Amino acid sequence: MPRREDIEFAFRNAMEIDKSGRRVVTTSRFVEELHAVNWMWTMREANRWIELSVSTFKDVSTEEGENRTFALYNPNGGL
């Protein structure tokens, strides 16, 4: 049975460090981690949760579609 705290756990596990050293999360990776903890979300549902629940990441996607890329940013001076 899925637990609510597993969503944040899955989000943290989905974080990776890109070539420029930023912490990023892709929607597809987040959905994979959610499935591992018994949350069966679509990419649209995952994007919606990130938009509403995570204020320290912003969308830095370079392509259209549901598989978006979110990067950790510093509101006091940069990405």
PDB file of N, CA and C in Angstrom:
ATOM      1  N   MET A   1       0.842  -1.173   0.000  1.00  0.00           N
ATOM      2  CA  MET A   1       0.000   0.000   0.000  1.00  0.00           C
ATOM      3  C   MET A   1       0.894   1.245   0.000  1.00  0.00           C
ATOM      4  N   PRO A   2       0.649   2.173  -0.943  1.00  0.00           N
ATOM      5  CA  PRO A   2       1.500   3.359  -1.017  1.00  0.00           C
ATOM      6  C   PRO A   2       1.276   4.302   0.163  1.00  0.00           C
ATOM      7  N   ARG A   3       2.360   4.944   0.575  1.00  0.00           N
ATOM      8  CA  ARG A   3       2.294   5.920   1.663  1.00  0.00           C
ATOM      9  C   ARG A   3       2.618   7.302   1.111  1.00  0.00           C
ATOM     10  N   ARG A   4       1.991   8.304   1.675  1.00  0.00           N
ATOM     11  CA  ARG A   4       2.166   9.669   1.185  1.00  0.00           C
ATOM     12  C   ARG A   4       3.619  10.152   1.264  1.00  0.00           C
ATOM     13  N   GLU A   5       4.320   9.784   2.305  1.00  0.00           N
ATOM     14  CA  GLU A   5       5.708  10.229   2.442  1.00  0.00           C
ATOM     15  C   GLU A   5       6.628   9.600   1.392  1.00  0.00           C
ATOM     16  N   ASP A   6       6.168   8.513   0.769  1.00  0.00           N
ATOM     17  CA  ASP A   6       6.955   7.882  -0.286  1.00  0.00           C
ATOM     18  C   ASP A   6       7.069   8.756  -1.528  1.00  0.00           C
ATOM     19  N   ILE A   7       6.150   9.687  -1.711  1.00  0.00           N
ATOM     20  CA  ILE A   7       6.215  10.578  -2.870  1.00  0.00           C
ATOM     21  C   ILE A   7       7.462  11.452  -2.771  1.00  0.00           C
ATOM     22  N   GLU A   8       7.693  12.060  -1.626  1.00  0.00           N
ATOM     23  CA  GLU A   8       8.884  12.890  -1.443  1.00  0.00           C
ATOM     24  C   GLU A   8      10.154  12.051  -1.514  1.00  0.00           C
ATOM     25  N   PHE A   9      10.100  10.853  -0.971  1.00  0.00           N
ATOM     26  CA  PHE A   9      11.227   9.925  -1.054  1.00  0.00           C
ATOM     27  C   PHE A   9      11.563   9.635  -2.517  1.00  0.00           C
ATOM     28  N   ALA A  10      10.538   9.370  -3.320  1.00  0.00           N
ATOM     29  CA  ALA A  10      10.738   9.094  -4.745  1.00  0.00           C
ATOM     30  C   ALA A  10      11.324  10.309  -5.454  1.00  0.00           C
ATOM     31  N   PHE A  11      10.851  11.507  -5.095  1.00  0.00           N
ATOM     32  CA  PHE A  11      11.377  12.717  -5.715  1.00  0.00           C
ATOM     33  C   PHE A  11      12.861  12.873  -5.410  1.00  0.00           C
ATOM     34  N   ARG A  12      13.252  12.681  -4.163  1.00  0.00           N
ATOM     35  CA  ARG A  12      14.669  12.787  -3.789  1.00  0.00           C
ATOM     36  C   ARG A  12      15.507  11.734  -4.515  1.00  0.00           C
ATOM     37  N   ASN A  13      14.971  10.527  -4.654  1.00  0.00           N
ATOM     38  CA  ASN A  13      15.707   9.470  -5.345  1.00  0.00           C
ATOM     39  C   ASN A  13      15.832   9.737  -6.844  1.00  0.00           C
ATOM     40  N   ALA A  14      14.926  10.522  -7.390  1.00  0.00           N
ATOM     41  CA  ALA A  14      14.951  10.830  -8.821  1.00  0.00           C
ATOM     42  C   ALA A  14      15.972  11.912  -9.157  1.00  0.00           C
ATOM     43  N   MET A  15      16.514  12.608  -8.171  1.00  0.00           N
ATOM     44  CA  MET A  15      17.475  13.680  -8.420  1.00  0.00           C
ATOM     45  C   MET A  15      18.778  13.124  -8.969  1.00  0.00           C
ATOM     46  N   GLU A  16      19.301  13.836  -9.955  1.00  0.00           N
ATOM     47  CA  GLU A  16      20.590  13.504 -10.544  1.00  0.00           C
ATOM     48  C   GLU A  16      21.382  14.792 -10.684  1.00  0.00           C
ATOM     49  N   ILE A  17      22.668  14.676 -10.913  1.00  0.00           N
ATOM     50  CA  ILE A  17      23.510  15.849 -11.145  1.00  0.00           C
ATOM     51  C   ILE A  17      23.875  15.855 -12.626  1.00  0.00           C
ATOM     52  N   ASP A  18      23.536  16.956 -13.318  1.00  0.00           N
ATOM     53  CA  ASP A  18      23.819  17.029 -14.754  1.00  0.00           C
ATOM     54  C   ASP A  18      25.262  17.462 -15.008  1.00  0.00           C
ATOM     55  N   LYS A  19      25.607  17.603 -16.288  1.00  0.00           N
ATOM     56  CA  LYS A  19      26.982  17.930 -16.681  1.00  0.00           C
ATOM     57  C   LYS A  19      27.482  19.244 -16.099  1.00  0.00           C
ATOM     58  N   SER A  20      26.565  20.185 -15.911  1.00  0.00           N
ATOM     59  CA  SER A  20      26.986  21.493 -15.391  1.00  0.00           C
ATOM     60  C   SER A  20      26.993  21.544 -13.859  1.00  0.00           C
ATOM     61  N   GLY A  21      26.664  20.429 -13.211  1.00  0.00           N
ATOM     62  CA  GLY A  21      26.714  20.359 -11.761  1.00  0.00           C
ATOM     63  C   GLY A  21      25.409  20.690 -11.054  1.00  0.00           C
ATOM     64  N   ARG A  22      24.333  20.944 -11.827  1.00  0.00           N
ATOM     65  CA  ARG A  22      23.035  21.246 -11.218  1.00  0.00           C
ATOM     66  C   ARG A  22      22.326  19.965 -10.806  1.00  0.00           C
ATOM     67  N   ARG A  23      21.528  20.045  -9.760  1.00  0.00           N
ATOM     68  CA  ARG A  23      20.662  18.935  -9.383  1.00  0.00           C
ATOM     69  C   ARG A  23      19.393  19.052 -10.215  1.00  0.00           C
ATOM     70  N   VAL A  24      19.076  17.977 -10.936  1.00  0.00           N
ATOM     71  CA  VAL A  24      17.905  17.984 -11.812  1.00  0.00           C
ATOM     72  C   VAL A  24      17.052  16.747 -11.569  1.00  0.00           C
ATOM     73  N   VAL A  25      15.772  16.887 -11.902  1.00  0.00           N
ATOM     74  CA  VAL A  25      14.828  15.777 -11.856  1.00  0.00           C
ATOM     75  C   VAL A  25      14.058  15.794 -13.165  1.00  0.00           C
ATOM     76  N   THR A  26      14.021  14.649 -13.846  1.00  0.00           N
ATOM     77  CA  THR A  26      13.175  14.544 -15.027  1.00  0.00           C
ATOM     78  C   THR A  26      11.878  13.860 -14.625  1.00  0.00           C
ATOM     79  N   THR A  27      10.828  14.195 -15.335  1.00  0.00           N
ATOM     80  CA  THR A  27       9.527  13.609 -15.021  1.00  0.00           C
ATOM     81  C   THR A  27       9.570  12.094 -15.163  1.00  0.00           C
ATOM     82  N   SER A  28      10.214  11.596 -16.213  1.00  0.00           N
ATOM     83  CA  SER A  28      10.256  10.142 -16.424  1.00  0.00           C
ATOM     84  C   SER A  28      10.966   9.429 -15.283  1.00  0.00           C
ATOM     85  N   ARG A  29      12.054  10.004 -14.800  1.00  0.00           N
ATOM     86  CA  ARG A  29      12.783   9.394 -13.674  1.00  0.00           C
ATOM     87  C   ARG A  29      11.944   9.423 -12.399  1.00  0.00           C
ATOM     88  N   PHE A  30      11.244  10.526 -12.166  1.00  0.00           N
ATOM     89  CA  PHE A  30      10.371  10.648 -10.995  1.00  0.00           C
ATOM     90  C   PHE A  30       9.265   9.598 -11.052  1.00  0.00           C
ATOM     91  N   VAL A  31       8.670   9.411 -12.218  1.00  0.00           N
ATOM     92  CA  VAL A  31       7.601   8.406 -12.370  1.00  0.00           C
ATOM     93  C   VAL A  31       8.147   7.002 -12.112  1.00  0.00           C
ATOM     94  N   GLU A  32       9.357   6.716 -12.581  1.00  0.00           N
ATOM     95  CA  GLU A  32       9.982   5.414 -12.320  1.00  0.00           C
ATOM     96  C   GLU A  32      10.137   5.182 -10.818  1.00  0.00           C
ATOM     97  N   GLU A  33      10.624   6.190 -10.121  1.00  0.00           N
ATOM     98  CA  GLU A  33      10.816   6.076  -8.672  1.00  0.00           C
ATOM     99  C   GLU A  33       9.475   5.944  -7.952  1.00  0.00           C
ATOM    100  N   LEU A  34       8.453   6.625  -8.438  1.00  0.00           N
ATOM    101  CA  LEU A  34       7.117   6.489  -7.848  1.00  0.00           C
ATOM    102  C   LEU A  34       6.595   5.061  -8.005  1.00  0.00           C
ATOM    103  N   HIS A  35       6.788   4.472  -9.175  1.00  0.00           N
ATOM    104  CA  HIS A  35       6.339   3.101  -9.401  1.00  0.00           C
ATOM    105  C   HIS A  35       7.041   2.127  -8.456  1.00  0.00           C
ATOM    106  N   ALA A  36       8.299   2.426  -8.127  1.00  0.00           N
ATOM    107  CA  ALA A  36       9.051   1.561  -7.212  1.00  0.00           C
ATOM    108  C   ALA A  36       8.458   1.553  -5.809  1.00  0.00           C
ATOM    109  N   VAL A  37       7.725   2.619  -5.444  1.00  0.00           N
ATOM    110  CA  VAL A  37       7.103   2.691  -4.117  1.00  0.00           C
ATOM    111  C   VAL A  37       5.576   2.607  -4.211  1.00  0.00           C
ATOM    112  N   ASN A  38       5.093   1.989  -5.278  1.00  0.00           N
ATOM    113  CA  ASN A  38       3.671   1.670  -5.476  1.00  0.00           C
ATOM    114  C   ASN A  38       2.752   2.861  -5.733  1.00  0.00           C
ATOM    115  N   TRP A  39       3.278   3.943  -6.264  1.00  0.00           N
ATOM    116  CA  TRP A  39       2.446   5.051  -6.724  1.00  0.00           C
ATOM    117  C   TRP A  39       2.457   5.001  -8.243  1.00  0.00           C
ATOM    118  N   MET A  40       1.314   4.745  -8.850  1.00  0.00           N
ATOM    119  CA  MET A  40       1.222   4.617 -10.305  1.00  0.00           C
ATOM    120  C   MET A  40       0.673   5.905 -10.906  1.00  0.00           C
ATOM    121  N   TRP A  41       1.568   6.877 -11.094  1.00  0.00           N
ATOM    122  CA  TRP A  41       1.180   8.173 -11.630  1.00  0.00           C
ATOM    123  C   TRP A  41       1.569   8.289 -13.087  1.00  0.00           C
ATOM    124  N   THR A  42       0.822   9.114 -13.812  1.00  0.00           N
ATOM    125  CA  THR A  42       1.191   9.460 -15.174  1.00  0.00           C
ATOM    126  C   THR A  42       2.213  10.600 -15.101  1.00  0.00           C
ATOM    127  N   MET A  43       2.826  10.903 -16.216  1.00  0.00           N
ATOM    128  CA  MET A  43       3.764  12.022 -16.238  1.00  0.00           C
ATOM    129  C   MET A  43       3.035  13.334 -15.954  1.00  0.00           C
ATOM    130  N   ARG A  44       1.833  13.461 -16.418  1.00  0.00           N
ATOM    131  CA  ARG A  44       1.061  14.679 -16.163  1.00  0.00           C
ATOM    132  C   ARG A  44       0.816  14.859 -14.660  1.00  0.00           C
ATOM    133  N   GLU A  45       0.449  13.770 -13.980  1.00  0.00           N
ATOM    134  CA  GLU A  45       0.225  13.836 -12.528  1.00  0.00           C
ATOM    135  C   GLU A  45       1.512  14.174 -11.786  1.00  0.00           C
ATOM    136  N   ALA A  46       2.619  13.599 -12.229  1.00  0.00           N
ATOM    137  CA  ALA A  46       3.902  13.871 -11.590  1.00  0.00           C
ATOM    138  C   ALA A  46       4.310  15.337 -11.780  1.00  0.00           C
ATOM    139  N   ASN A  47       4.124  15.859 -12.982  1.00  0.00           N
ATOM    140  CA  ASN A  47       4.442  17.270 -13.238  1.00  0.00           C
ATOM    141  C   ASN A  47       3.594  18.182 -12.369  1.00  0.00           C
ATOM    142  N   ARG A  48       2.342  17.859 -12.241  1.00  0.00           N
ATOM    143  CA  ARG A  48       1.433  18.674 -11.430  1.00  0.00           C
ATOM    144  C   ARG A  48       1.888  18.698  -9.970  1.00  0.00           C
ATOM    145  N   TRP A  49       2.273  17.525  -9.443  1.00  0.00           N
ATOM    146  CA  TRP A  49       2.739  17.462  -8.054  1.00  0.00           C
ATOM    147  C   TRP A  49       3.998  18.318  -7.874  1.00  0.00           C
ATOM    148  N   ILE A  50       4.943  18.219  -8.815  1.00  0.00           N
ATOM    149  CA  ILE A  50       6.175  19.006  -8.716  1.00  0.00           C
ATOM    150  C   ILE A  50       5.842  20.496  -8.733  1.00  0.00           C
ATOM    151  N   GLU A  51       4.988  20.908  -9.646  1.00  0.00           N
ATOM    152  CA  GLU A  51       4.615  22.320  -9.757  1.00  0.00           C
ATOM    153  C   GLU A  51       3.990  22.859  -8.471  1.00  0.00           C
ATOM    154  N   LEU A  52       3.152  22.049  -7.830  1.00  0.00           N
ATOM    155  CA  LEU A  52       2.428  22.507  -6.646  1.00  0.00           C
ATOM    156  C   LEU A  52       3.179  22.287  -5.327  1.00  0.00           C
ATOM    157  N   SER A  53       4.051  21.307  -5.271  1.00  0.00           N
ATOM    158  CA  SER A  53       4.647  20.906  -3.999  1.00  0.00           C
ATOM    159  C   SER A  53       6.119  21.224  -3.827  1.00  0.00           C
ATOM    160  N   VAL A  54       6.807  21.546  -4.896  1.00  0.00           N
ATOM    161  CA  VAL A  54       8.251  21.754  -4.806  1.00  0.00           C
ATOM    162  C   VAL A  54       8.575  23.161  -5.295  1.00  0.00           C
ATOM    163  N   SER A  55       8.860  24.050  -4.363  1.00  0.00           N
ATOM    164  CA  SER A  55       9.108  25.443  -4.736  1.00  0.00           C
ATOM    165  C   SER A  55      10.579  25.733  -5.042  1.00  0.00           C
ATOM    166  N   THR A  56      11.475  24.808  -4.772  1.00  0.00           N
ATOM    167  CA  THR A  56      12.898  25.048  -4.979  1.00  0.00           C
ATOM    168  C   THR A  56      13.409  24.512  -6.308  1.00  0.00           C
ATOM    169  N   PHE A  57      12.532  23.997  -7.141  1.00  0.00           N
ATOM    170  CA  PHE A  57      12.907  23.515  -8.469  1.00  0.00           C
ATOM    171  C   PHE A  57      12.103  24.289  -9.499  1.00  0.00           C
ATOM    172  N   LYS A  58      12.757  24.614 -10.634  1.00  0.00           N
ATOM    173  CA  LYS A  58      12.021  25.286 -11.690  1.00  0.00           C
ATOM    174  C   LYS A  58      12.211  24.527 -12.993  1.00  0.00           C
ATOM    175  N   ASP A  59      11.254  24.691 -13.881  1.00  0.00           N
ATOM    176  CA  ASP A  59      11.254  24.002 -15.162  1.00  0.00           C
ATOM    177  C   ASP A  59      12.336  24.591 -16.065  1.00  0.00           C
ATOM    178  N   VAL A  60      13.259  23.744 -16.510  1.00  0.00           N
ATOM    179  CA  VAL A  60      14.318  24.169 -17.426  1.00  0.00           C
ATOM    180  C   VAL A  60      14.297  23.320 -18.700  1.00  0.00           C
ATOM    181  N   SER A  61      13.140  22.766 -19.024  1.00  0.00           N
ATOM    182  CA  SER A  61      12.997  21.891 -20.184  1.00  0.00           C
ATOM    183  C   SER A  61      13.365  22.618 -21.468  1.00  0.00           C
ATOM    184  N   THR A  62      13.983  21.884 -22.366  1.00  0.00           N
ATOM    185  CA  THR A  62      14.342  22.449 -23.664  1.00  0.00           C
ATOM    186  C   THR A  62      13.460  21.911 -24.775  1.00  0.00           C
ATOM    187  N   GLU A  63      12.609  20.936 -24.469  1.00  0.00           N
ATOM    188  CA  GLU A  63      11.718  20.334 -25.460  1.00  0.00           C
ATOM    189  C   GLU A  63      10.291  20.363 -24.942  1.00  0.00           C
ATOM    190  N   GLU A  64       9.354  20.299 -25.868  1.00  0.00           N
ATOM    191  CA  GLU A  64       7.938  20.244 -25.522  1.00  0.00           C
ATOM    192  C   GLU A  64       7.580  18.837 -25.065  1.00  0.00           C
ATOM    193  N   GLY A  65       6.489  18.702 -24.339  1.00  0.00           N
ATOM    194  CA  GLY A  65       5.993  17.391 -23.945  1.00  0.00           C
ATOM    195  C   GLY A  65       5.903  17.233 -22.443  1.00  0.00           C
ATOM    196  N   GLU A  66       5.489  16.049 -22.034  1.00  0.00           N
ATOM    197  CA  GLU A  66       5.278  15.763 -20.617  1.00  0.00           C
ATOM    198  C   GLU A  66       6.561  15.400 -19.876  1.00  0.00           C
ATOM    199  N   ASN A  67       7.578  14.931 -20.595  1.00  0.00           N
ATOM    200  CA  ASN A  67       8.839  14.586 -19.928  1.00  0.00           C
ATOM    201  C   ASN A  67       9.665  15.857 -19.766  1.00  0.00           C
ATOM    202  N   ARG A  68       9.430  16.537 -18.665  1.00  0.00           N
ATOM    203  CA  ARG A  68      10.069  17.817 -18.406  1.00  0.00           C
ATOM    204  C   ARG A  68      11.286  17.644 -17.510  1.00  0.00           C
ATOM    205  N   THR A  69      12.109  18.670 -17.464  1.00  0.00           N
ATOM    206  CA  THR A  69      13.296  18.683 -16.619  1.00  0.00           C
ATOM    207  C   THR A  69      13.173  19.843 -15.651  1.00  0.00           C
ATOM    208  N   PHE A  70      13.352  19.551 -14.367  1.00  0.00           N
ATOM    209  CA  PHE A  70      13.293  20.564 -13.320  1.00  0.00           C
ATOM    210  C   PHE A  70      14.663  20.638 -12.659  1.00  0.00           C
ATOM    211  N   ALA A  71      15.146  21.857 -12.415  1.00  0.00           N
ATOM    212  CA  ALA A  71      16.453  22.052 -11.797  1.00  0.00           C
ATOM    213  C   ALA A  71      16.317  22.798 -10.488  1.00  0.00           C
ATOM    214  N   LEU A  72      17.137  22.411  -9.529  1.00  0.00           N
ATOM    215  CA  LEU A  72      17.211  23.106  -8.245  1.00  0.00           C
ATOM    216  C   LEU A  72      17.768  24.496  -8.499  1.00  0.00           C
ATOM    217  N   TYR A  73      17.147  25.490  -7.922  1.00  0.00           N
ATOM    218  CA  TYR A  73      17.649  26.848  -8.088  1.00  0.00           C
ATOM    219  C   TYR A  73      17.758  27.562  -6.762  1.00  0.00           C
ATOM    220  N   ASN A  74      18.605  28.576  -6.772  1.00  0.00           N
ATOM    221  CA  ASN A  74      18.819  29.406  -5.592  1.00  0.00           C
ATOM    222  C   ASN A  74      18.098  30.729  -5.833  1.00  0.00           C
ATOM    223  N   PRO A  75      17.019  30.995  -5.115  1.00  0.00           N
ATOM    224  CA  PRO A  75      16.289  32.236  -5.345  1.00  0.00           C
ATOM    225  C   PRO A  75      17.085  33.480  -4.965  1.00  0.00           C
ATOM    226  N   ASN A  76      18.226  33.296  -4.316  1.00  0.00           N
ATOM    227  CA  ASN A  76      19.049  34.430  -3.901  1.00  0.00           C
ATOM    228  C   ASN A  76      20.218  34.687  -4.838  1.00  0.00           C
ATOM    229  N   GLY A  77      20.144  34.146  -6.048  1.00  0.00           N
ATOM    230  CA  GLY A  77      21.238  34.470  -6.950  1.00  0.00           C
ATOM    231  C   GLY A  77      21.643  33.419  -7.953  1.00  0.00           C
ATOM    232  N   GLY A  78      20.752  32.725  -8.544  1.00  0.00           N
ATOM    233  CA  GLY A  78      21.141  31.854  -9.639  1.00  0.00           C
ATOM    234  C   GLY A  78      20.618  30.453  -9.540  1.00  0.00           C
ATOM    235  N   LEU A  79      20.981  29.686 -10.546  1.00  0.00           N
ATOM    236  CA  LEU A  79      20.562  28.297 -10.636  1.00  0.00           C
ATOM    237  C   LEU A  79      21.429  27.382  -9.847  1.00  0.00           C
TER     238      LEU A  79
END
